[in-house]
Structure formats: C-alpha cells, structure tokens
C-alpha cells in the first residue's frame, strides 16, 4: 500500500499514469469527489490489484467467490460499491484480491444511530465484527428507553456476519450529554442496577442482540471501585445468559488547551470481567474544545503505553474518530463553536480556495487555514488516509483486539480501504 500525497501540478490523470491504475478505479477506491480539481496535500491510497475478474453472464458473487476460493464478504470488502446493488453486470471488472501483506485478524466495531442510511450501512457491514446501535438510554429508575425501531439494523447485521450490540448509556443522541445524576443514582443503588440488567436482558432476548456495549460514565479515582462492582455483577449475569459484554470508556482528558493530556486512572478494575474495552472519544455536531486534532496519534500512543501495562492488550479496542472539525478564529474558550466536517468536505474547501493541506506528524492529522466569504478566518482539523494508517498500525504494534469507529454514519472509502489491506476481519 502506498499513500500518495498530491503535489502541486498533479492531476488524477497524471497519478493514474504513474501508478498504472485506471482513473475510475482510483476515484472509486478512494471515494474522491473532486477528481478534476485535486487539493495539494490530499491523500490517495494506491494498492495494486492481485486478481481482477470480468463478470460473465450468469455469474453471482457466490459463484465467483467459490471459483476463486474466497468469500462473498471478501468480495464486498474489495468492491464496496457492489453492496448498493442487487445484481452484478456482465462485462464489469471486480477485484478478487489486492496485493496485501495481511498477517492477522482483528475485531472491528462501529457505532451507528438507528437512522443510518441503509446504503451506508450495507457498504460498511462487511468490514464490521460488531455493530453497536446507539439507541438506548437508561433512566434514573433503571428503565431503558429507545428512540426508534432498530429491528432492520439488527437483521442486516446478522446477514453480513456482524454481531449487533445494544449500546446503553445515559447520553442523549442529539447532543451526547451524560446525565450525571442518573448515572450516580444507578451506581449507588443495587436494586436499580438489578432492574437495569433485567431490562437489558429482556431487550436483548426480544430483539436478538448478540450482546451489550455499556458506556461507563463519570469515572473518577473515587468512583472506580463502585463502577467495578457494578460491572462484575452485570458481566456475570450477561455471560451466564450467553451474551458478550463490551464497555466503552472515554479517557478523562484535558482538551481545553493546546497540550492535551489524560488522567492515569486504574482502568484495569473495570476490564477484568468483560470481553473487550473500547477507549474512544465522541464527536458530536458541535464542539467547544480547543482547535486541535481529535484524539491525536501522539496522545493515543501515550494512552496505549499506559493501558497495556495494566490491561491485557487482547481486550483493548482502539477508538478512532472518522471526522474532523472546522473552527472559526480567534478561538474563545467556551464560546467558539466548531462544526463537524467530513474529510471530503474539507478537501473540497481546500481545493476551492487553492489552499494546500498541511499535516501534523505528531498528531498524524491534516489541517489547514482558510478565509470564508465573509472574511472570517477558519482552521480545519480532520483525518486522511495517513491518519487511519497510523492508527491501524497501532493495533498491530500493541497487539490489540481491534479497532472501533465513531461513527459509521458516513461511509469513508479511504478509511475502510486502509483497514482492508492491512487486516482480516473477524466475522460471526
């Protein structure tokens, strides 16, 4: 795999000629939306196909997979656009395999809201081990409410060999705000804990979930022992019923200054009884944090250096945020509001304004400044193929269970391309 960074004067045609890969394949594999006006600093993932196949009349994904000793799921990972269709067409060319050096299998998890576009979901599911559905909120009495019917998502996940997981928290889906009062009430009342566990079991059995993903909230040095006892009880009950249990933790971090850091809490107390722990940060539609990379790679390495000393590495999922933010400047703490932005949208802004995209080696994240039509200065921090590659390599470097993506509401072709050429994906 080569990650090509667009240089001044390069075009999609010149890059195609150099690597001997057709233009349409470069566009398709990378999800490029600005092929006629590339931005300097934009990334394009280059992977040479190992085996290509021209579809014949009467072929199906199943028959092609059988002919080449692979699986339909692998064909969908190599050709995600096929997930949008009911049929394949005679004469079209599909990738049977790429020239890769995959040596190990990892587990992947993706968070989705119940209103995810089904086209995005079907393209993403071949890459997932777990689909965590963000739809369930717990009340102060241990009751569980949900916002929408997620039956179709659960059924689709199973068709694609991904385990549907029920995500339970006190967070609101609209703003991602944790209700600390509800959380404290649950932790300090065993009878409410029991009710919550019983209600979760009922929903999992009724809807056909494979397990539960609990968001562990308000972790402090003082609360960690109480949280550990609750998780010990919950895990014992869920495991006895044959369910997987994952927990999601947002490391306690200070992100209000240029120097991001995290608190070294003994998270090992929370992970002893569960099947996996996801260390992740959450991006919502708006943020008031200091303009910076979201979960920068250098901080991730510091976090992992600490975590693997206290937690078995095979239990850890590395959380990856797929989006970025656009801040107006000057930044005013607590007042400046950043808006979420996709990589493709960021690239389009850079291309339209003829601004080169810069790259922070420490954070392994791209960024740039631009002036809007009203003369207001902005700074954008996002993620590109280099960002995903750096984070994917951490999974192998630290021998982690896998990687978790917040969120999968938008299909990021480059992100999944990078993952696909490095790892086999565990499926159920």
Protein backbone atom coordinates (compact mmCIF):
# COMPACT_ATOMS: atom_id res chain seq x y z
CA UNK A 1 0.00 0.00 0.00
CA UNK A 2 1.21 3.47 -0.93
CA UNK A 3 -0.40 6.62 0.39
CA UNK A 4 0.16 9.23 -2.30
CA UNK A 5 0.06 12.86 -1.21
CA UNK A 6 -0.99 15.13 -4.07
CA UNK A 7 1.75 17.57 -5.09
CA UNK A 8 1.44 20.92 -6.93
CA UNK A 9 0.65 20.40 -10.61
CA UNK A 10 -0.53 16.79 -10.25
CA UNK A 11 -3.86 15.65 -11.66
CA UNK A 12 -5.88 12.50 -11.30
CA UNK A 13 -4.72 11.54 -14.79
CA UNK A 14 -1.02 12.02 -14.04
CA UNK A 15 -1.35 9.99 -10.83
CA UNK A 16 -3.23 7.28 -12.74
CA UNK A 17 -0.49 7.13 -15.36
CA UNK A 18 2.29 7.00 -12.79
CA UNK A 19 0.80 4.08 -10.85
CA UNK A 20 -0.76 2.35 -13.85
CA UNK A 21 -4.18 2.24 -12.19
CA UNK A 22 -7.25 3.43 -14.16
CA UNK A 23 -8.68 6.79 -13.15
CA UNK A 24 -12.13 5.38 -12.44
CA UNK A 25 -10.65 2.81 -10.05
CA UNK A 26 -8.68 5.46 -8.14
CA UNK A 27 -11.85 7.51 -7.78
CA UNK A 28 -13.94 4.52 -6.76
CA UNK A 29 -11.49 3.05 -4.24
CA UNK A 30 -10.80 6.40 -2.57
CA UNK A 31 -14.26 7.94 -2.75
CA UNK A 32 -12.80 11.01 -4.47
CA UNK A 33 -15.38 13.77 -5.03
CA UNK A 34 -13.05 16.35 -6.61
CA UNK A 35 -11.20 14.41 -9.34
CA UNK A 36 -10.97 17.42 -11.67
CA UNK A 37 -9.58 19.76 -9.02
CA UNK A 38 -7.38 17.89 -6.56
CA UNK A 39 -6.16 19.70 -3.46
CA UNK A 40 -2.44 19.84 -2.76
CA UNK A 41 -1.88 17.64 0.29
CA UNK A 42 -4.90 15.43 -0.44
CA UNK A 43 -4.25 11.70 0.01
CA UNK A 44 -4.92 8.89 -2.46
CA UNK A 45 -4.46 5.27 -1.41
CA UNK A 46 -2.67 3.17 -4.02
CA UNK A 47 -2.99 -0.62 -3.89
CA UNK A 48 -2.35 -2.79 -6.92
CA UNK A 49 -4.98 -5.47 -7.57
CA UNK A 50 -3.62 -9.02 -7.47
CA UNK A 51 -6.51 -10.67 -9.31
CA UNK A 52 -9.14 -8.93 -11.41
CA UNK A 53 -12.17 -10.67 -12.86
CA UNK A 54 -14.50 -9.68 -15.67
CA UNK A 55 -18.05 -10.72 -14.80
CA UNK A 56 -19.68 -13.21 -17.16
CA UNK A 57 -23.39 -13.69 -17.85
CA UNK A 58 -24.93 -15.80 -15.09
CA UNK A 59 -22.23 -15.03 -12.51
CA UNK A 60 -23.12 -14.28 -8.90
CA UNK A 61 -20.92 -13.15 -6.04
CA UNK A 62 -21.31 -16.61 -4.56
CA UNK A 63 -20.23 -18.40 -7.75
CA UNK A 64 -17.26 -16.07 -8.26
CA UNK A 65 -16.18 -16.47 -4.64
CA UNK A 66 -16.38 -20.25 -4.94
CA UNK A 67 -14.33 -20.21 -8.16
CA UNK A 68 -11.51 -18.26 -6.51
CA UNK A 69 -11.63 -19.88 -3.08
CA UNK A 70 -12.72 -16.73 -1.28
CA UNK A 71 -15.97 -15.48 0.27
CA UNK A 72 -18.73 -13.12 -0.90
CA UNK A 73 -17.91 -10.96 2.13
CA UNK A 74 -14.30 -10.56 0.95
CA UNK A 75 -15.55 -9.57 -2.50
CA UNK A 76 -17.79 -6.94 -0.93
CA UNK A 77 -14.86 -5.56 1.09
CA UNK A 78 -12.78 -5.35 -2.09
CA UNK A 79 -15.66 -3.80 -4.06
CA UNK A 80 -17.85 -1.89 -1.55
CA UNK A 81 -19.97 -0.28 -4.28
CA UNK A 82 -21.45 -3.74 -5.01
CA UNK A 83 -23.33 -3.54 -1.71
CA UNK A 84 -25.55 -0.87 -3.26
CA UNK A 85 -26.80 -3.29 -5.91
CA UNK A 86 -28.93 -6.39 -6.14
CA UNK A 87 -27.07 -7.71 -9.20
CA UNK A 88 -23.66 -7.68 -10.84
CA UNK A 89 -23.39 -6.98 -14.55
CA UNK A 90 -21.67 -8.93 -17.29
CA UNK A 91 -18.61 -7.07 -18.53
CA UNK A 92 -17.81 -5.16 -15.36
CA UNK A 93 -14.46 -5.76 -13.65
CA UNK A 94 -14.24 -6.56 -9.95
CA UNK A 95 -11.27 -7.05 -7.65
CA UNK A 96 -10.89 -10.60 -6.38
CA UNK A 97 -7.84 -9.77 -4.28
CA UNK A 98 -5.30 -7.00 -3.70
CA UNK A 99 -1.56 -7.20 -3.23
CA UNK A 100 -1.54 -7.04 0.57
CA UNK A 101 0.58 -8.27 3.45
CA UNK A 102 -2.18 -9.09 5.89
CA UNK A 103 -0.86 -11.27 8.70
CA UNK A 104 -3.53 -11.20 11.40
CA UNK A 105 -7.25 -10.97 12.08
CA UNK A 106 -8.72 -8.16 14.14
CA UNK A 107 -12.14 -7.35 15.55
CA UNK A 108 -13.82 -4.13 14.46
CA UNK A 109 -16.69 -2.22 15.99
CA UNK A 110 -18.76 0.58 14.52
CA UNK A 111 -21.31 2.82 16.22
CA UNK A 112 -24.47 3.70 14.34
CA UNK A 113 -27.65 5.58 15.15
CA UNK A 114 -30.94 3.93 14.26
CA UNK A 115 -31.48 6.39 11.38
CA UNK A 116 -28.31 5.43 9.48
CA UNK A 117 -28.72 5.41 5.70
CA UNK A 118 -29.17 1.77 4.68
CA UNK A 119 -26.84 2.19 1.71
CA UNK A 120 -24.07 3.36 4.05
CA UNK A 121 -24.81 0.52 6.45
CA UNK A 122 -24.72 -2.26 3.84
CA UNK A 123 -21.41 -0.95 2.48
CA UNK A 124 -19.95 -0.86 5.99
CA UNK A 125 -21.20 -4.13 7.49
CA UNK A 126 -18.74 -6.38 5.57
CA UNK A 127 -15.96 -4.58 7.47
CA UNK A 128 -17.51 -4.99 10.93
CA UNK A 129 -17.26 -7.62 13.63
CA UNK A 130 -19.65 -5.72 15.90
CA UNK A 131 -22.36 -3.21 15.05
CA UNK A 132 -23.10 -1.14 18.15
CA UNK A 133 -26.52 0.50 17.83
CA UNK A 134 -26.79 3.83 19.67
CA UNK A 135 -30.48 3.78 20.53
CA UNK A 136 -30.94 3.02 24.25
CA UNK A 137 -30.97 5.39 27.18
CA UNK A 138 -31.31 4.39 30.81
CA UNK A 139 -33.43 6.35 33.31
CA UNK A 140 -32.78 7.02 36.99
CA UNK A 141 -35.06 4.09 37.86
CA UNK A 142 -33.21 1.58 35.66
CA UNK A 143 -35.77 1.62 32.87
CA UNK A 144 -34.45 1.64 29.29
CA UNK A 145 -35.99 3.82 26.60
CA UNK A 146 -35.25 3.83 22.88
CA UNK A 147 -35.84 6.34 20.13
CA UNK A 148 -36.61 4.19 17.08
CA UNK A 149 -37.22 0.68 15.83
CA UNK A 150 -33.83 -0.90 15.08
CA UNK A 151 -35.08 -4.33 14.00
CA UNK A 152 -33.93 -3.83 10.41
CA UNK A 153 -30.43 -2.87 11.54
CA UNK A 154 -30.17 -5.96 13.76
CA UNK A 155 -31.34 -8.25 10.96
CA UNK A 156 -28.98 -6.68 8.41
CA UNK A 157 -26.03 -7.02 10.77
CA UNK A 158 -26.65 -10.75 11.10
CA UNK A 159 -26.91 -11.20 7.33
CA UNK A 160 -23.43 -9.68 6.98
CA UNK A 161 -21.88 -11.65 9.84
CA UNK A 162 -21.65 -8.68 12.22
CA UNK A 163 -22.79 -9.07 15.82
CA UNK A 164 -25.46 -6.47 16.73
CA UNK A 165 -24.70 -4.92 20.11
CA UNK A 166 -27.07 -2.92 22.28
CA UNK A 167 -25.47 0.35 23.42
CA UNK A 168 -26.72 1.55 26.82
CA UNK A 169 -25.88 4.92 28.36
CA UNK A 170 -27.45 7.99 29.92
CA UNK A 171 -26.39 10.07 26.90
CA UNK A 172 -28.75 11.96 24.64
CA UNK A 173 -28.36 11.04 20.98
CA UNK A 174 -28.83 14.68 19.96
CA UNK A 175 -26.01 16.24 21.98
CA UNK A 176 -24.12 13.38 23.60
CA UNK A 177 -24.57 14.79 27.09
CA UNK A 178 -24.19 12.41 30.01
CA UNK A 179 -26.78 12.70 32.78
CA UNK A 180 -24.53 12.57 35.85
CA UNK A 181 -27.45 12.48 38.27
CA UNK A 182 -28.92 9.38 36.60
CA UNK A 183 -25.51 7.75 36.43
CA UNK A 184 -24.79 8.34 40.13
CA UNK A 185 -28.25 7.11 41.09
CA UNK A 186 -27.65 3.81 39.29
CA UNK A 187 -24.19 3.29 40.73
CA UNK A 188 -25.32 3.90 44.29
CA UNK A 189 -28.47 1.79 44.20
CA UNK A 190 -28.07 -2.00 43.71
CA UNK A 191 -31.80 -2.55 43.18
CA UNK A 192 -31.80 -0.07 40.29
CA UNK A 193 -28.74 -1.84 38.85
CA UNK A 194 -30.64 -5.13 39.00
CA UNK A 195 -33.63 -3.58 37.23
CA UNK A 196 -31.39 -2.14 34.52
CA UNK A 197 -29.70 -5.52 33.96
CA UNK A 198 -33.07 -7.32 33.81
CA UNK A 199 -34.45 -4.79 31.34
CA UNK A 200 -31.35 -5.03 29.16
CA UNK A 201 -31.61 -8.83 29.12
CA UNK A 202 -35.26 -8.66 28.10
CA UNK A 203 -34.50 -6.32 25.20
CA UNK A 204 -31.52 -8.40 24.02
CA UNK A 205 -33.59 -11.58 24.04
CA UNK A 206 -36.61 -9.97 22.39
CA UNK A 207 -34.69 -8.21 19.64
CA UNK A 208 -31.95 -10.74 19.01
CA UNK A 209 -28.88 -8.80 20.09
CA UNK A 210 -25.61 -10.72 20.46
CA UNK A 211 -24.55 -8.68 23.45
CA UNK A 212 -24.34 -5.32 25.14
CA UNK A 213 -21.98 -2.37 24.99
CA UNK A 214 -22.13 -0.35 28.21
CA UNK A 215 -20.88 3.22 28.28
CA UNK A 216 -19.01 3.62 31.55
CA UNK A 217 -19.57 7.21 32.67
CA UNK A 218 -18.18 9.62 35.27
CA UNK A 219 -15.04 7.62 36.02
CA UNK A 220 -13.03 9.19 38.82
CA UNK A 221 -10.48 7.96 41.33
CA UNK A 222 -13.29 7.94 43.92
CA UNK A 223 -15.97 6.17 41.83
CA UNK A 224 -13.95 3.48 40.12
CA UNK A 225 -14.40 0.79 42.80
CA UNK A 226 -18.19 1.22 42.80
CA UNK A 227 -18.27 1.04 39.00
CA UNK A 228 -16.11 -2.11 39.09
CA UNK A 229 -18.53 -3.89 41.42
CA UNK A 230 -21.45 -3.00 39.18
CA UNK A 231 -19.65 -4.30 36.08
CA UNK A 232 -18.67 -7.51 37.90
CA UNK A 233 -22.33 -8.20 38.68
CA UNK A 234 -23.58 -7.24 35.23
CA UNK A 235 -20.93 -9.28 33.38
CA UNK A 236 -21.64 -12.39 35.43
CA UNK A 237 -25.35 -12.22 34.57
CA UNK A 238 -24.87 -11.39 30.88
CA UNK A 239 -22.25 -14.13 30.44
CA UNK A 240 -24.46 -16.69 32.16
CA UNK A 241 -27.10 -15.96 29.51
CA UNK A 242 -24.56 -16.34 26.69
CA UNK A 243 -24.14 -12.65 25.82
CA UNK A 244 -20.97 -10.73 25.03
CA UNK A 245 -20.25 -7.63 27.07
CA UNK A 246 -18.13 -4.74 25.86
CA UNK A 247 -17.60 -1.48 27.69
CA UNK A 248 -16.83 1.90 26.19
CA UNK A 249 -14.68 4.36 28.12
CA UNK A 250 -13.86 7.92 27.23
CA UNK A 251 -10.48 8.52 28.89
CA UNK A 252 -10.55 11.51 31.21
CA UNK A 253 -8.69 14.10 29.15
CA UNK A 254 -7.95 17.80 29.26
CA UNK A 255 -8.63 19.11 25.75
CA UNK A 256 -9.18 22.78 26.53
CA UNK A 257 -5.57 23.79 25.89
CA UNK A 258 -3.00 23.05 23.17
CA UNK A 259 -1.36 20.49 25.49
CA UNK A 260 -3.82 17.59 25.62
CA UNK A 261 -3.28 15.08 28.42
CA UNK A 262 -5.18 12.30 30.17
CA UNK A 263 -5.59 11.17 33.76
CA UNK A 264 -3.91 7.87 34.67
CA UNK A 265 -6.84 6.15 36.32
CA UNK A 266 -6.56 2.41 37.05
CA UNK A 267 -8.98 1.22 34.37
CA UNK A 268 -7.90 -2.40 34.95
CA UNK A 269 -10.50 -2.61 37.71
CA UNK A 270 -13.22 -2.13 35.08
CA UNK A 271 -11.97 -4.59 32.47
CA UNK A 272 -11.40 -7.80 34.41
CA UNK A 273 -14.84 -9.26 33.77
CA UNK A 274 -15.68 -8.00 30.27
CA UNK A 275 -14.88 -9.27 26.77
CA UNK A 276 -13.46 -6.03 25.47
CA UNK A 277 -12.91 -2.40 26.37
CA UNK A 278 -13.19 0.40 23.82
CA UNK A 279 -11.23 3.57 24.51
CA UNK A 280 -12.93 6.20 22.41
CA UNK A 281 -13.81 9.85 22.21
CA UNK A 282 -17.10 11.09 20.81
CA UNK A 283 -17.59 13.69 18.09
CA UNK A 284 -20.91 15.46 18.00
CA UNK A 285 -22.24 18.05 15.59
CA UNK A 286 -20.56 20.87 17.51
CA UNK A 287 -17.61 21.22 19.85
CA UNK A 288 -16.25 23.97 22.09
CA UNK A 289 -12.84 22.37 22.55
CA UNK A 290 -9.51 23.96 21.67
CA UNK A 291 -8.72 23.76 17.92
CA UNK A 292 -6.64 20.65 17.58
CA UNK A 293 -6.58 17.14 16.16
CA UNK A 294 -9.25 14.87 17.63
CA UNK A 295 -7.51 12.17 19.69
CA UNK A 296 -4.04 12.90 18.19
CA UNK A 297 -1.73 9.95 17.50
CA UNK A 298 0.96 11.03 19.97
CA UNK A 299 -1.60 11.12 22.79
CA UNK A 300 -3.01 7.78 21.64
CA UNK A 301 0.46 6.24 21.97
CA UNK A 302 0.84 7.68 25.47
CA UNK A 303 -2.57 6.28 26.36
CA UNK A 304 -1.74 2.83 24.97
CA UNK A 305 1.68 2.76 26.64
CA UNK A 306 -0.14 3.20 29.92
CA UNK A 307 -3.12 0.95 29.20
CA UNK A 308 -1.19 -2.14 28.04
CA UNK A 309 0.72 -2.09 31.33
CA UNK A 310 -2.47 -2.52 33.34
CA UNK A 311 -4.91 -4.23 30.92
CA UNK A 312 -4.35 -7.33 28.74
CA UNK A 313 -3.78 -5.92 25.27
CA UNK A 314 -6.06 -8.52 23.69
CA UNK A 315 -9.02 -6.89 25.47
CA UNK A 316 -8.40 -3.39 24.12
CA UNK A 317 -10.11 -1.75 21.16
CA UNK A 318 -8.51 1.44 19.89
CA UNK A 319 -11.15 4.07 19.29
CA UNK A 320 -10.92 6.04 16.05
CA UNK A 321 -12.98 9.11 15.22
CA UNK A 322 -13.55 9.39 11.49
CA UNK A 323 -14.47 13.06 11.24
CA UNK A 324 -12.96 16.44 11.94
CA UNK A 325 -13.94 19.97 12.95
CA UNK A 326 -13.99 23.44 11.42
CA UNK A 327 -13.31 26.25 13.94
CA UNK A 328 -13.63 30.00 13.44
CA UNK A 329 -10.73 32.08 14.77
CA UNK A 330 -9.76 33.65 17.07
CA UNK A 331 -10.68 30.88 19.49
CA UNK A 332 -12.53 31.95 22.64
CA UNK A 333 -12.66 29.19 25.30
CA UNK A 334 -16.21 28.08 25.99
CA UNK A 335 -17.63 30.32 23.26
CA UNK A 336 -16.04 29.38 19.93
CA UNK A 337 -18.19 26.72 18.32
CA UNK A 338 -16.61 24.22 15.93
CA UNK A 339 -18.75 22.40 13.35
CA UNK A 340 -18.15 18.79 12.38
CA UNK A 341 -16.77 18.19 8.89
CA UNK A 342 -16.01 15.15 6.73
CA UNK A 343 -12.65 14.65 5.06
CA UNK A 344 -14.16 15.00 1.60
CA UNK A 345 -15.82 18.28 2.54
CA UNK A 346 -12.55 19.55 3.99
CA UNK A 347 -10.71 18.60 0.80
CA UNK A 348 -13.33 20.40 -1.27
CA UNK A 349 -12.86 23.60 0.77
CA UNK A 350 -9.08 23.40 0.34
CA UNK A 351 -9.39 22.74 -3.40
CA UNK A 352 -11.94 25.51 -3.97
CA UNK A 353 -9.73 28.01 -2.13
CA UNK A 354 -6.49 26.73 -3.69
CA UNK A 355 -5.06 26.13 -0.21
CA UNK A 356 -2.52 23.35 0.40
CA UNK A 357 -3.46 20.88 3.14
CA UNK A 358 -0.78 20.68 5.84
CA UNK A 359 -0.03 17.67 8.03
CA UNK A 360 0.95 17.32 11.67
CA UNK A 361 3.40 14.43 12.03
CA UNK A 362 2.94 14.30 15.80
CA UNK A 363 -0.86 14.17 15.65
CA UNK A 364 -0.90 12.29 12.33
CA UNK A 365 -3.71 14.56 11.20
CA UNK A 366 -4.18 17.03 8.33
CA UNK A 367 -5.12 20.66 8.90
CA UNK A 368 -5.32 23.97 7.08
CA UNK A 369 -6.50 27.56 7.46
CA UNK A 370 -8.89 29.37 5.14
CA UNK A 371 -10.89 32.58 4.90
CA UNK A 372 -14.63 32.32 4.29
CA UNK A 373 -16.73 34.58 2.05
CA UNK A 374 -17.34 36.97 4.96
CA UNK A 375 -13.63 37.36 5.69
CA UNK A 376 -13.66 35.15 8.81
CA UNK A 377 -10.57 33.00 9.40
CA UNK A 378 -11.11 29.26 9.96
CA UNK A 379 -8.93 26.31 10.90
CA UNK A 380 -9.87 22.76 9.95
CA UNK A 381 -8.52 19.60 11.58
CA UNK A 382 -9.58 16.31 10.02
CA UNK A 383 -8.28 12.81 9.22
CA UNK A 384 -6.97 11.34 5.97
CA UNK A 385 -5.50 8.02 4.83
CA UNK A 386 -2.25 8.74 6.70
CA UNK A 387 -4.25 9.29 9.90
CA UNK A 388 -6.10 5.99 9.55
CA UNK A 389 -2.94 4.13 8.59
CA UNK A 390 -1.08 5.40 11.67
CA UNK A 391 -3.91 4.36 13.94
CA UNK A 392 -4.39 0.98 12.24
CA UNK A 393 -0.70 0.24 12.73
CA UNK A 394 -1.06 0.85 16.47
CA UNK A 395 -3.39 -2.16 16.63
CA UNK A 396 -0.57 -4.43 15.43
CA UNK A 397 2.14 -2.60 17.35
CA UNK A 398 0.36 -3.04 20.68
CA UNK A 399 -1.28 -6.39 19.78
CA UNK A 400 -4.79 -5.07 20.47
CA UNK A 401 -8.07 -6.92 19.97
CA UNK A 402 -9.08 -4.44 17.33
CA UNK A 403 -10.33 -1.01 16.39
CA UNK A 404 -13.61 0.81 16.96
CA UNK A 405 -15.04 3.61 14.81
CA UNK A 406 -17.13 6.55 15.97
CA UNK A 407 -19.25 6.75 13.90
CA UNK A 408 -20.08 4.84 10.71
CA UNK A 409 -22.90 7.20 9.71
CA UNK A 410 -20.89 8.27 6.65
CA UNK A 411 -19.01 5.74 4.52
CA UNK A 412 -15.35 6.73 4.39
CA UNK A 413 -13.89 4.79 1.45
CA UNK A 414 -10.27 5.59 2.28
CA UNK A 415 -10.61 4.56 5.91
CA UNK A 416 -12.01 1.14 5.07
CA UNK A 417 -9.54 0.69 2.19
CA UNK A 418 -6.65 1.20 4.61
CA UNK A 419 -8.11 -1.26 7.12
CA UNK A 420 -8.97 -3.84 4.46
CA UNK A 421 -5.48 -4.09 3.00
CA UNK A 422 -3.85 -4.48 6.42
CA UNK A 423 -6.11 -6.90 8.32
CA UNK A 424 -8.50 -9.79 8.02
CA UNK A 425 -11.81 -9.00 9.75
CA UNK A 426 -13.31 -11.35 12.33
CA UNK A 427 -16.90 -12.28 11.49
CA UNK A 428 -19.64 -14.19 13.34
